[in-house]
Amino acid sequence: MKQFLFFIVFGFLVCSSCQQNKRPLLGETPFQKSLNATFKDASTSPLKKKDRQNFEGLDFFEVDSSYIVQATLKHTPDSEFFNMPTTTGESRQERIFGVLHFKLNNKTYQLNVYESKALLNDPNYTDYLFLPFSDLTNGESTYAGGRYIELKVPNKTKAQTITIDFNTAFNPYCAYNDTYSCPIVPRDNTLNTKILAGVKAYNKH
């Protein structure tokens, strides 16, 4: 079941925050503080025990409002589920829920956003959308395999607006522990620009 944990990472955030009251949490925003709390907590952390013992906090880019964009979502109701490969050679049943069109630094981009077959019947994730992406920072300041963003379905119409906050981009769990099985970012979701927002590459301290 480890391969499903990346879907539910934020389901633990509130509880993790409650358990970390012994000392101030590192981070500038609630997202950063909650993510750090999740990684510090042995019951929710993807870190190996030896890495967790020395863990003080993840490295983040400075929060930048220019990386919060309004995207037009063009729904693709007839898309079929396909096997999205993972880092361990397994696959996940995903389908393209829609295509996100947005502008960043006066340039236009698009990303496919995905819906998981495994979560369709889970009442806690009926509005869950998965946005994996790669960009020109990968392998330098960010994880080489790309990053993920979690979104919610506002409503299932043909076209709508949805907010993408790249400041909440996070690494797949396999960036910290190779026992996890993480979806590989599809080539279509490569951005030809640097996304200087969200979680940086993991460096053991």
N, C-alpha and C. Protein backbone atom coordinates (compact mmCIF):
# COMPACT_ATOMS: atom_id res chain seq x y z
N MET A 1 0.81 -1.21 0.00
CA MET A 1 0.00 0.00 0.00
C MET A 1 0.85 1.27 0.00
N LYS A 2 2.19 1.11 0.12
CA LYS A 2 3.02 2.30 0.17
C LYS A 2 2.86 3.18 -1.06
N GLN A 3 2.59 2.51 -2.22
CA GLN A 3 2.53 3.27 -3.45
C GLN A 3 1.36 4.25 -3.48
N PHE A 4 0.40 4.08 -2.59
CA PHE A 4 -0.74 4.99 -2.58
C PHE A 4 -0.54 6.14 -1.61
N LEU A 5 0.54 6.13 -0.87
CA LEU A 5 0.68 7.11 0.21
C LEU A 5 0.83 8.54 -0.30
N PHE A 6 1.42 8.71 -1.50
CA PHE A 6 1.60 10.08 -1.95
C PHE A 6 0.26 10.77 -2.19
N PHE A 7 -0.80 9.98 -2.48
CA PHE A 7 -2.12 10.55 -2.69
C PHE A 7 -2.68 11.14 -1.40
N ILE A 8 -2.28 10.55 -0.27
CA ILE A 8 -2.93 10.92 0.98
C ILE A 8 -2.02 11.68 1.92
N VAL A 9 -0.89 12.18 1.38
CA VAL A 9 0.06 12.86 2.25
C VAL A 9 -0.58 14.00 3.03
N PHE A 10 -1.47 14.75 2.36
CA PHE A 10 -2.04 15.90 3.06
C PHE A 10 -3.21 15.52 3.96
N GLY A 11 -3.64 14.28 3.87
CA GLY A 11 -4.67 13.83 4.80
C GLY A 11 -4.15 13.73 6.22
N PHE A 12 -2.83 13.66 6.36
CA PHE A 12 -2.22 13.55 7.68
C PHE A 12 -1.78 14.90 8.24
N LEU A 13 -1.83 15.94 7.44
CA LEU A 13 -1.19 17.19 7.82
C LEU A 13 -1.75 17.81 9.09
N VAL A 14 -3.09 17.84 9.19
CA VAL A 14 -3.69 18.47 10.37
C VAL A 14 -3.32 17.71 11.63
N CYS A 15 -3.42 16.38 11.57
CA CYS A 15 -3.09 15.57 12.74
C CYS A 15 -1.61 15.71 13.08
N SER A 16 -0.78 15.76 12.06
CA SER A 16 0.64 15.88 12.31
C SER A 16 0.98 17.18 12.99
N SER A 17 0.29 18.25 12.58
CA SER A 17 0.53 19.55 13.18
C SER A 17 0.23 19.51 14.68
N CYS A 18 -0.84 18.79 15.05
CA CYS A 18 -1.22 18.71 16.45
C CYS A 18 -0.16 17.99 17.27
N GLN A 19 0.55 17.07 16.64
CA GLN A 19 1.52 16.27 17.36
C GLN A 19 2.88 16.95 17.47
N GLN A 20 3.03 18.07 16.81
CA GLN A 20 4.33 18.72 16.79
C GLN A 20 4.36 20.00 17.61
N ASN A 21 3.57 20.05 18.67
CA ASN A 21 3.46 21.27 19.47
C ASN A 21 4.63 21.47 20.42
N LYS A 22 5.53 20.52 20.50
CA LYS A 22 6.62 20.60 21.46
C LYS A 22 7.62 21.69 21.10
N ARG A 23 7.71 22.01 19.81
CA ARG A 23 8.63 23.07 19.39
C ARG A 23 8.07 23.74 18.15
N PRO A 24 8.48 24.97 17.89
CA PRO A 24 7.95 25.68 16.72
C PRO A 24 8.29 24.94 15.43
N LEU A 25 7.35 24.92 14.50
CA LEU A 25 7.56 24.25 13.23
C LEU A 25 8.23 25.19 12.25
N LEU A 26 9.19 24.67 11.51
CA LEU A 26 9.86 25.46 10.51
C LEU A 26 8.96 25.64 9.30
N GLY A 27 9.04 26.83 8.67
CA GLY A 27 8.24 27.10 7.48
C GLY A 27 7.59 28.45 7.54
N GLU A 28 7.40 29.05 6.37
CA GLU A 28 6.81 30.38 6.29
C GLU A 28 5.30 30.35 6.19
N THR A 29 4.76 29.27 5.66
CA THR A 29 3.32 29.19 5.40
C THR A 29 2.73 27.95 6.08
N PRO A 30 1.41 27.90 6.23
CA PRO A 30 0.78 26.70 6.78
C PRO A 30 1.15 25.44 5.99
N PHE A 31 1.22 25.55 4.67
CA PHE A 31 1.61 24.41 3.84
C PHE A 31 2.99 23.91 4.22
N GLN A 32 3.95 24.81 4.33
CA GLN A 32 5.32 24.42 4.65
C GLN A 32 5.42 23.83 6.05
N LYS A 33 4.76 24.45 7.01
CA LYS A 33 4.81 23.96 8.38
C LYS A 33 4.17 22.58 8.50
N SER A 34 3.05 22.39 7.82
CA SER A 34 2.36 21.10 7.89
C SER A 34 3.16 20.00 7.20
N LEU A 35 3.79 20.34 6.08
CA LEU A 35 4.59 19.35 5.38
C LEU A 35 5.80 18.95 6.23
N ASN A 36 6.44 19.93 6.86
CA ASN A 36 7.56 19.63 7.75
C ASN A 36 7.12 18.76 8.92
N ALA A 37 5.94 19.02 9.45
CA ALA A 37 5.42 18.23 10.56
C ALA A 37 5.18 16.78 10.13
N THR A 38 4.67 16.59 8.94
CA THR A 38 4.43 15.25 8.40
C THR A 38 5.74 14.48 8.27
N PHE A 39 6.77 15.16 7.82
CA PHE A 39 8.06 14.51 7.62
C PHE A 39 8.76 14.21 8.95
N LYS A 40 8.48 14.98 9.97
CA LYS A 40 9.11 14.75 11.27
C LYS A 40 8.43 13.63 12.05
N ASP A 41 7.15 13.44 11.81
CA ASP A 41 6.36 12.45 12.53
C ASP A 41 6.65 11.05 11.98
N ALA A 42 7.08 10.15 12.85
CA ALA A 42 7.45 8.79 12.43
C ALA A 42 6.29 8.04 11.80
N SER A 43 5.06 8.35 12.18
CA SER A 43 3.90 7.63 11.67
C SER A 43 3.48 8.07 10.27
N THR A 44 3.98 9.20 9.81
CA THR A 44 3.57 9.71 8.50
C THR A 44 4.75 10.03 7.58
N SER A 45 5.94 10.02 8.11
CA SER A 45 7.11 10.44 7.34
C SER A 45 7.56 9.40 6.32
N PRO A 46 7.94 9.84 5.10
CA PRO A 46 8.52 8.92 4.12
C PRO A 46 10.02 8.71 4.35
N LEU A 47 10.59 9.50 5.25
CA LEU A 47 12.03 9.44 5.48
C LEU A 47 12.43 8.13 6.17
N LYS A 48 13.61 7.66 5.84
CA LYS A 48 14.17 6.53 6.56
C LYS A 48 14.52 6.98 7.97
N LYS A 49 14.53 6.05 8.89
CA LYS A 49 14.71 6.37 10.31
C LYS A 49 15.95 7.22 10.56
N LYS A 50 17.05 6.85 9.96
CA LYS A 50 18.30 7.59 10.19
C LYS A 50 18.23 9.01 9.65
N ASP A 51 17.47 9.21 8.56
CA ASP A 51 17.32 10.55 8.00
C ASP A 51 16.35 11.38 8.82
N ARG A 52 15.31 10.73 9.34
CA ARG A 52 14.32 11.45 10.13
C ARG A 52 14.90 11.96 11.45
N GLN A 53 15.85 11.24 12.00
CA GLN A 53 16.44 11.64 13.27
C GLN A 53 17.16 12.98 13.16
N ASN A 54 17.71 13.25 11.98
CA ASN A 54 18.43 14.51 11.76
C ASN A 54 17.61 15.55 11.02
N PHE A 55 16.35 15.23 10.78
CA PHE A 55 15.50 16.12 9.98
C PHE A 55 15.13 17.39 10.75
N GLU A 56 15.35 18.53 10.11
CA GLU A 56 14.98 19.82 10.71
C GLU A 56 13.95 20.56 9.87
N GLY A 57 13.87 20.23 8.62
CA GLY A 57 12.89 20.89 7.75
C GLY A 57 13.29 20.75 6.29
N LEU A 58 12.29 20.76 5.42
CA LEU A 58 12.55 20.71 3.98
C LEU A 58 13.02 22.07 3.49
N ASP A 59 13.69 22.06 2.35
CA ASP A 59 14.12 23.30 1.73
C ASP A 59 13.05 23.75 0.74
N PHE A 60 12.64 24.99 0.85
CA PHE A 60 11.62 25.56 -0.03
C PHE A 60 12.16 26.78 -0.75
N PHE A 61 11.63 27.02 -1.94
CA PHE A 61 11.87 28.31 -2.58
C PHE A 61 11.11 29.37 -1.79
N GLU A 62 11.54 30.60 -1.91
CA GLU A 62 10.81 31.69 -1.28
C GLU A 62 9.42 31.77 -1.89
N VAL A 63 8.43 31.97 -1.07
CA VAL A 63 7.06 32.06 -1.56
C VAL A 63 6.94 33.24 -2.52
N ASP A 64 6.37 32.97 -3.68
CA ASP A 64 6.29 33.97 -4.75
C ASP A 64 4.88 33.95 -5.34
N SER A 65 4.16 35.05 -5.19
CA SER A 65 2.78 35.11 -5.66
C SER A 65 2.68 35.04 -7.18
N SER A 66 3.77 35.30 -7.90
CA SER A 66 3.71 35.21 -9.36
C SER A 66 3.56 33.77 -9.84
N TYR A 67 3.79 32.81 -8.93
CA TYR A 67 3.62 31.40 -9.26
C TYR A 67 2.26 30.87 -8.82
N ILE A 68 1.35 31.77 -8.52
CA ILE A 68 -0.04 31.39 -8.29
C ILE A 68 -0.82 31.87 -9.51
N VAL A 69 -1.28 30.93 -10.32
CA VAL A 69 -1.89 31.30 -11.60
C VAL A 69 -3.31 30.77 -11.71
N GLN A 70 -4.10 31.49 -12.47
CA GLN A 70 -5.47 31.05 -12.78
C GLN A 70 -5.45 30.35 -14.13
N ALA A 71 -5.84 29.10 -14.12
CA ALA A 71 -5.81 28.31 -15.35
C ALA A 71 -7.22 27.99 -15.82
N THR A 72 -7.37 27.96 -17.12
CA THR A 72 -8.63 27.51 -17.71
C THR A 72 -8.57 25.99 -17.87
N LEU A 73 -9.52 25.32 -17.28
CA LEU A 73 -9.57 23.86 -17.36
C LEU A 73 -10.55 23.43 -18.44
N LYS A 74 -10.03 22.79 -19.46
CA LYS A 74 -10.86 22.24 -20.52
C LYS A 74 -11.04 20.75 -20.24
N HIS A 75 -12.21 20.39 -19.81
CA HIS A 75 -12.51 19.03 -19.40
C HIS A 75 -12.47 18.08 -20.59
N THR A 76 -11.98 16.85 -20.37
CA THR A 76 -11.91 15.83 -21.42
C THR A 76 -12.73 14.63 -20.97
N PRO A 77 -14.05 14.71 -21.08
CA PRO A 77 -14.93 13.67 -20.53
C PRO A 77 -14.81 12.31 -21.19
N ASP A 78 -14.27 12.24 -22.39
CA ASP A 78 -14.20 10.96 -23.09
C ASP A 78 -12.84 10.27 -22.97
N SER A 79 -11.97 10.82 -22.13
CA SER A 79 -10.64 10.21 -21.99
C SER A 79 -10.74 8.85 -21.30
N GLU A 80 -9.86 7.94 -21.67
CA GLU A 80 -9.86 6.59 -21.11
C GLU A 80 -8.72 6.43 -20.12
N PHE A 81 -8.89 5.51 -19.20
CA PHE A 81 -7.83 5.22 -18.25
C PHE A 81 -6.67 4.54 -18.97
N PHE A 82 -5.46 4.86 -18.54
CA PHE A 82 -4.27 4.25 -19.11
C PHE A 82 -3.30 3.92 -17.97
N ASN A 83 -2.29 3.15 -18.28
CA ASN A 83 -1.30 2.76 -17.28
C ASN A 83 -0.20 3.81 -17.21
N MET A 84 -0.18 4.56 -16.13
CA MET A 84 0.89 5.53 -15.91
C MET A 84 2.03 4.80 -15.19
N PRO A 85 3.21 4.71 -15.80
CA PRO A 85 4.31 3.97 -15.19
C PRO A 85 4.82 4.63 -13.92
N THR A 86 5.41 3.83 -13.06
CA THR A 86 5.96 4.33 -11.80
C THR A 86 7.45 4.01 -11.71
N THR A 87 8.07 4.53 -10.69
CA THR A 87 9.51 4.38 -10.50
C THR A 87 9.94 2.95 -10.19
N THR A 88 9.00 2.10 -9.79
CA THR A 88 9.34 0.72 -9.45
C THR A 88 8.92 -0.27 -10.54
N GLY A 89 8.48 0.25 -11.70
CA GLY A 89 8.08 -0.62 -12.79
C GLY A 89 6.63 -1.03 -12.75
N GLU A 90 5.91 -0.59 -11.73
CA GLU A 90 4.48 -0.86 -11.65
C GLU A 90 3.75 0.21 -12.47
N SER A 91 2.44 0.24 -12.38
CA SER A 91 1.68 1.25 -13.10
C SER A 91 0.43 1.62 -12.31
N ARG A 92 -0.11 2.79 -12.61
CA ARG A 92 -1.35 3.27 -11.99
C ARG A 92 -2.36 3.54 -13.08
N GLN A 93 -3.61 3.27 -12.79
CA GLN A 93 -4.68 3.57 -13.72
C GLN A 93 -5.07 5.04 -13.55
N GLU A 94 -4.74 5.83 -14.55
CA GLU A 94 -5.05 7.26 -14.53
C GLU A 94 -5.72 7.64 -15.84
N ARG A 95 -6.46 8.74 -15.82
CA ARG A 95 -6.97 9.29 -17.06
C ARG A 95 -6.85 10.81 -17.01
N ILE A 96 -6.77 11.40 -18.18
CA ILE A 96 -6.68 12.86 -18.23
C ILE A 96 -8.06 13.44 -17.93
N PHE A 97 -8.16 14.13 -16.83
CA PHE A 97 -9.43 14.76 -16.46
C PHE A 97 -9.67 16.00 -17.30
N GLY A 98 -8.58 16.69 -17.63
CA GLY A 98 -8.70 17.90 -18.44
C GLY A 98 -7.34 18.50 -18.71
N VAL A 99 -7.33 19.57 -19.49
CA VAL A 99 -6.10 20.27 -19.84
C VAL A 99 -6.15 21.67 -19.24
N LEU A 100 -5.10 22.02 -18.51
CA LEU A 100 -5.02 23.32 -17.87
C LEU A 100 -4.22 24.28 -18.76
N HIS A 101 -4.82 25.40 -19.11
CA HIS A 101 -4.16 26.43 -19.91
C HIS A 101 -3.94 27.66 -19.03
N PHE A 102 -2.70 28.13 -18.99
CA PHE A 102 -2.41 29.26 -18.11
C PHE A 102 -1.23 30.07 -18.63
N LYS A 103 -1.07 31.26 -18.08
CA LYS A 103 0.06 32.12 -18.42
C LYS A 103 0.98 32.25 -17.21
N LEU A 104 2.27 32.22 -17.48
CA LEU A 104 3.28 32.39 -16.44
C LEU A 104 4.40 33.24 -17.02
N ASN A 105 4.65 34.37 -16.38
CA ASN A 105 5.65 35.32 -16.89
C ASN A 105 5.39 35.68 -18.35
N ASN A 106 4.11 35.94 -18.63
CA ASN A 106 3.66 36.40 -19.95
C ASN A 106 3.81 35.36 -21.06
N LYS A 107 4.00 34.11 -20.69
CA LYS A 107 4.04 33.04 -21.68
C LYS A 107 2.93 32.04 -21.38
N THR A 108 2.42 31.41 -22.43
CA THR A 108 1.31 30.48 -22.27
C THR A 108 1.81 29.04 -22.18
N TYR A 109 1.23 28.30 -21.26
CA TYR A 109 1.60 26.90 -21.06
C TYR A 109 0.35 26.06 -20.88
N GLN A 110 0.54 24.76 -20.94
CA GLN A 110 -0.57 23.86 -20.65
C GLN A 110 -0.05 22.59 -19.98
N LEU A 111 -0.87 22.03 -19.12
CA LEU A 111 -0.55 20.80 -18.41
C LEU A 111 -1.80 19.92 -18.36
N ASN A 112 -1.60 18.64 -18.48
CA ASN A 112 -2.70 17.71 -18.27
C ASN A 112 -2.87 17.45 -16.78
N VAL A 113 -4.09 17.41 -16.32
CA VAL A 113 -4.36 17.07 -14.92
C VAL A 113 -5.10 15.74 -14.90
N TYR A 114 -4.77 14.89 -13.94
CA TYR A 114 -5.19 13.50 -13.99
C TYR A 114 -6.14 13.12 -12.85
N GLU A 115 -6.92 12.08 -13.14
CA GLU A 115 -7.85 11.51 -12.17
C GLU A 115 -7.51 10.04 -11.99
N SER A 116 -7.42 9.61 -10.74
CA SER A 116 -7.02 8.23 -10.43
C SER A 116 -8.23 7.30 -10.34
N LYS A 117 -8.13 6.18 -11.00
CA LYS A 117 -9.21 5.18 -10.96
C LYS A 117 -9.34 4.60 -9.55
N ALA A 118 -8.20 4.44 -8.87
CA ALA A 118 -8.20 3.83 -7.53
C ALA A 118 -8.93 4.69 -6.50
N LEU A 119 -9.03 5.99 -6.77
CA LEU A 119 -9.64 6.89 -5.79
C LEU A 119 -11.07 7.29 -6.13
N LEU A 120 -11.57 6.87 -7.27
CA LEU A 120 -12.89 7.31 -7.71
C LEU A 120 -14.00 6.96 -6.73
N ASN A 121 -13.89 5.80 -6.11
CA ASN A 121 -14.95 5.34 -5.20
C ASN A 121 -14.66 5.63 -3.74
N ASP A 122 -13.58 6.38 -3.50
CA ASP A 122 -13.25 6.77 -2.13
C ASP A 122 -13.95 8.09 -1.83
N PRO A 123 -14.89 8.12 -0.89
CA PRO A 123 -15.64 9.34 -0.61
C PRO A 123 -14.77 10.51 -0.16
N ASN A 124 -13.57 10.21 0.33
CA ASN A 124 -12.67 11.27 0.77
C ASN A 124 -11.90 11.92 -0.37
N TYR A 125 -11.95 11.29 -1.55
CA TYR A 125 -11.15 11.79 -2.68
C TYR A 125 -11.96 11.90 -3.97
N THR A 126 -13.24 12.11 -3.85
CA THR A 126 -14.09 12.21 -5.04
C THR A 126 -13.75 13.43 -5.89
N ASP A 127 -13.16 14.46 -5.27
CA ASP A 127 -12.81 15.68 -6.03
C ASP A 127 -11.30 15.84 -6.20
N TYR A 128 -10.56 14.75 -6.02
CA TYR A 128 -9.09 14.80 -6.06
C TYR A 128 -8.57 14.79 -7.49
N LEU A 129 -7.63 15.70 -7.78
CA LEU A 129 -6.95 15.73 -9.07
C LEU A 129 -5.44 15.74 -8.83
N PHE A 130 -4.73 15.08 -9.72
CA PHE A 130 -3.29 14.89 -9.60
C PHE A 130 -2.59 15.64 -10.73
N LEU A 131 -1.68 16.55 -10.36
CA LEU A 131 -0.96 17.35 -11.36
C LEU A 131 0.55 17.12 -11.22
N PRO A 132 1.09 16.16 -11.96
CA PRO A 132 2.55 15.97 -11.99
C PRO A 132 3.15 16.88 -13.06
N PHE A 133 4.34 17.40 -12.81
CA PHE A 133 4.98 18.24 -13.83
C PHE A 133 6.49 18.21 -13.66
N SER A 134 7.17 18.49 -14.74
CA SER A 134 8.62 18.67 -14.69
C SER A 134 8.94 20.03 -15.29
N ASP A 135 10.11 20.55 -14.96
CA ASP A 135 10.50 21.87 -15.46
C ASP A 135 12.02 21.96 -15.53
N LEU A 136 12.54 23.12 -15.88
CA LEU A 136 13.97 23.25 -16.13
C LEU A 136 14.82 23.32 -14.86
N THR A 137 14.20 23.26 -13.70
CA THR A 137 14.99 23.21 -12.46
C THR A 137 15.31 21.77 -12.06
N ASN A 138 14.64 20.80 -12.66
CA ASN A 138 14.81 19.40 -12.27
C ASN A 138 16.26 18.94 -12.48
N GLY A 139 16.80 18.29 -11.45
CA GLY A 139 18.18 17.83 -11.52
C GLY A 139 19.17 18.88 -11.07
N GLU A 140 18.69 20.08 -10.84
CA GLU A 140 19.54 21.16 -10.35
C GLU A 140 19.07 21.56 -8.95
N SER A 141 18.13 22.49 -8.89
CA SER A 141 17.62 22.93 -7.59
C SER A 141 16.44 22.11 -7.11
N THR A 142 15.86 21.29 -7.99
CA THR A 142 14.71 20.46 -7.60
C THR A 142 14.96 19.00 -7.97
N TYR A 143 14.11 18.14 -7.45
CA TYR A 143 14.23 16.70 -7.68
C TYR A 143 14.21 16.39 -9.18
N ALA A 144 15.11 15.51 -9.60
CA ALA A 144 15.27 15.21 -11.03
C ALA A 144 14.03 14.63 -11.67
N GLY A 145 13.22 13.94 -10.88
CA GLY A 145 12.03 13.29 -11.43
C GLY A 145 10.80 14.15 -11.54
N GLY A 146 10.91 15.43 -11.20
CA GLY A 146 9.75 16.32 -11.26
C GLY A 146 9.03 16.38 -9.92
N ARG A 147 7.93 17.12 -9.91
CA ARG A 147 7.18 17.33 -8.67
C ARG A 147 5.68 17.19 -8.92
N TYR A 148 4.92 17.21 -7.83
CA TYR A 148 3.47 17.03 -7.90
C TYR A 148 2.76 18.23 -7.24
N ILE A 149 1.54 18.45 -7.69
CA ILE A 149 0.62 19.39 -7.04
C ILE A 149 -0.72 18.69 -6.91
N GLU A 150 -1.39 18.90 -5.81
CA GLU A 150 -2.72 18.33 -5.61
C GLU A 150 -3.77 19.41 -5.83
N LEU A 151 -4.80 19.08 -6.60
CA LEU A 151 -5.88 20.02 -6.90
C LEU A 151 -7.22 19.38 -6.58
N LYS A 152 -8.25 20.21 -6.60
CA LYS A 152 -9.61 19.71 -6.39
C LYS A 152 -10.49 20.09 -7.56
N VAL A 153 -11.47 19.25 -7.83
CA VAL A 153 -12.42 19.51 -8.90
C VAL A 153 -13.45 20.51 -8.41
N PRO A 154 -13.53 21.69 -9.02
CA PRO A 154 -14.56 22.64 -8.59
C PRO A 154 -15.95 22.17 -9.01
N ASN A 155 -16.07 21.69 -10.24
CA ASN A 155 -17.30 21.09 -10.77
C ASN A 155 -16.96 20.51 -12.13
N LYS A 156 -17.71 19.55 -12.55
CA LYS A 156 -17.39 18.85 -13.80
C LYS A 156 -18.12 19.46 -14.99
N THR A 157 -17.66 20.62 -15.39
CA THR A 157 -18.21 21.28 -16.57
C THR A 157 -17.18 21.24 -17.69
N LYS A 158 -17.55 21.69 -18.84
CA LYS A 158 -16.67 21.62 -19.99
C LYS A 158 -15.47 22.56 -19.88
N ALA A 159 -15.66 23.70 -19.29
CA ALA A 159 -14.57 24.66 -19.14
C ALA A 159 -14.77 25.43 -17.85
N GLN A 160 -13.69 25.67 -17.14
CA GLN A 160 -13.77 26.37 -15.87
C GLN A 160 -12.41 26.91 -15.49
N THR A 161 -12.37 27.67 -14.44
CA THR A 161 -11.11 28.22 -13.96
C THR A 161 -10.69 27.51 -12.69
N ILE A 162 -9.42 27.20 -12.60
CA ILE A 162 -8.90 26.53 -11.42
C ILE A 162 -7.55 27.17 -11.07
N THR A 163 -7.26 27.31 -9.79
CA THR A 163 -6.02 27.94 -9.35
C THR A 163 -4.92 26.91 -9.20
N ILE A 164 -3.77 27.21 -9.79
CA ILE A 164 -2.57 26.39 -9.60
C ILE A 164 -1.59 27.21 -8.75
N ASP A 165 -1.25 26.70 -7.59
CA ASP A 165 -0.28 27.36 -6.73
C ASP A 165 1.00 26.53 -6.74
N PHE A 166 1.96 26.97 -7.53
CA PHE A 166 3.22 26.23 -7.63
C PHE A 166 4.01 26.29 -6.33
N ASN A 167 3.66 27.18 -5.43
CA ASN A 167 4.31 27.23 -4.12
C ASN A 167 4.00 25.98 -3.30
N THR A 168 2.98 25.22 -3.71
CA THR A 168 2.64 23.98 -3.00
C THR A 168 3.13 22.74 -3.74
N ALA A 169 4.03 22.92 -4.70
CA ALA A 169 4.60 21.77 -5.42
C ALA A 169 5.49 20.98 -4.47
N PHE A 170 5.31 19.67 -4.43
CA PHE A 170 6.08 18.84 -3.51
C PHE A 170 6.71 17.67 -4.24
N ASN A 171 7.73 17.09 -3.63
CA ASN A 171 8.43 15.96 -4.22
C ASN A 171 7.67 14.66 -4.00
N PRO A 172 7.75 13.73 -4.95
CA PRO A 172 7.20 12.40 -4.70
C PRO A 172 7.99 11.74 -3.58
N TYR A 173 7.37 10.81 -2.89
CA TYR A 173 8.02 10.16 -1.75
C TYR A 173 9.29 9.41 -2.14
N CYS A 174 9.38 8.96 -3.39
CA CYS A 174 10.57 8.23 -3.81
C CYS A 174 11.81 9.13 -3.87
N ALA A 175 11.62 10.44 -3.77
CA ALA A 175 12.75 11.36 -3.70
C ALA A 175 13.47 11.23 -2.36
N TYR A 176 12.77 10.67 -1.37
CA TYR A 176 13.32 10.53 -0.03
C TYR A 176 13.59 9.07 0.35
N ASN A 177 12.90 8.16 -0.32
CA ASN A 177 12.99 6.76 0.07
C ASN A 177 12.62 5.90 -1.15
N ASP A 178 13.58 5.15 -1.66
CA ASP A 178 13.35 4.41 -2.91
C ASP A 178 12.45 3.20 -2.77
N THR A 179 11.91 2.95 -1.58
CA THR A 179 10.96 1.85 -1.43
C THR A 179 9.56 2.25 -1.89
N TYR A 180 9.34 3.53 -2.12
CA TYR A 180 8.03 4.00 -2.58
C TYR A 180 7.93 3.91 -4.10
N SER A 181 6.73 3.68 -4.57
CA SER A 181 6.46 3.61 -6.00
C SER A 181 5.73 4.89 -6.40
N CYS A 182 6.37 5.70 -7.24
CA CYS A 182 5.82 7.02 -7.58
C CYS A 182 5.57 7.15 -9.07
N PRO A 183 4.44 7.69 -9.46
CA PRO A 183 4.17 7.90 -10.88
C PRO A 183 5.24 8.76 -11.54
N ILE A 184 5.65 8.36 -12.72
CA ILE A 184 6.63 9.12 -13.49
C ILE A 184 5.89 10.22 -14.25
N VAL A 185 6.42 11.43 -14.18
CA VAL A 185 5.77 12.56 -14.85
C VAL A 185 5.71 12.33 -16.36
N PRO A 186 4.53 12.38 -16.96
CA PRO A 186 4.40 12.20 -18.42
C PRO A 186 5.15 13.30 -19.18
N ARG A 187 5.67 12.95 -20.33
CA ARG A 187 6.42 13.92 -21.14
C ARG A 187 5.58 15.14 -21.49
N ASP A 188 4.29 14.91 -21.69
CA ASP A 188 3.41 16.03 -22.06
C ASP A 188 3.34 17.09 -20.97
N ASN A 189 3.73 16.75 -19.76
CA ASN A 189 3.64 17.69 -18.66
C ASN A 189 5.00 18.31 -18.31
N THR A 190 5.80 18.52 -19.33
CA THR A 190 7.09 19.19 -19.16
C THR A 190 6.94 20.67 -19.49
N LEU A 191 7.35 21.51 -18.56
CA LEU A 191 7.29 22.95 -18.76
C LEU A 191 8.67 23.46 -19.17
N ASN A 192 8.73 24.18 -20.26
CA ASN A 192 10.00 24.71 -20.75
C ASN A 192 10.32 26.04 -20.07
N THR A 193 10.36 25.99 -18.77
CA THR A 193 10.67 27.16 -17.95
C THR A 193 11.08 26.69 -16.57
N LYS A 194 11.64 27.58 -15.78
CA LYS A 194 12.01 27.24 -14.42
C LYS A 194 10.89 27.61 -13.46
N ILE A 195 10.44 26.64 -12.68
CA ILE A 195 9.44 26.89 -11.66
C ILE A 195 10.17 27.03 -10.33
N LEU A 196 10.47 28.27 -9.97
CA LEU A 196 11.24 28.57 -8.76
C LEU A 196 10.29 28.74 -7.58
N ALA A 197 9.55 27.68 -7.31
CA ALA A 197 8.55 27.71 -6.25
C ALA A 197 8.34 26.29 -5.74
N GLY A 198 7.88 26.18 -4.49
CA GLY A 198 7.61 24.87 -3.92
C GLY A 198 8.82 24.26 -3.25
N VAL A 199 8.81 22.94 -3.13
CA VAL A 199 9.87 22.21 -2.43
C VAL A 199 11.08 22.03 -3.34
N LYS A 200 12.25 22.23 -2.76
CA LYS A 200 13.50 22.02 -3.49
C LYS A 200 13.95 20.57 -3.37
N ALA A 201 15.06 20.26 -4.00
CA ALA A 201 15.63 18.92 -3.92
C ALA A 201 15.99 18.61 -2.47
N TYR A 202 15.90 17.34 -2.12
CA TYR A 202 16.19 16.92 -0.74
C TYR A 202 17.69 16.69 -0.56
N ASN A 203 18.23 17.37 0.43
CA ASN A 203 19.63 17.20 0.78
C ASN A 203 19.72 16.72 2.22
N LYS A 204 20.34 15.60 2.44
CA LYS A 204 20.49 15.09 3.79
C LYS A 204 21.48 15.96 4.55
N HIS A 205 21.10 16.36 5.75
CA HIS A 205 21.98 17.22 6.55
C HIS A 205 22.67 16.40 7.63
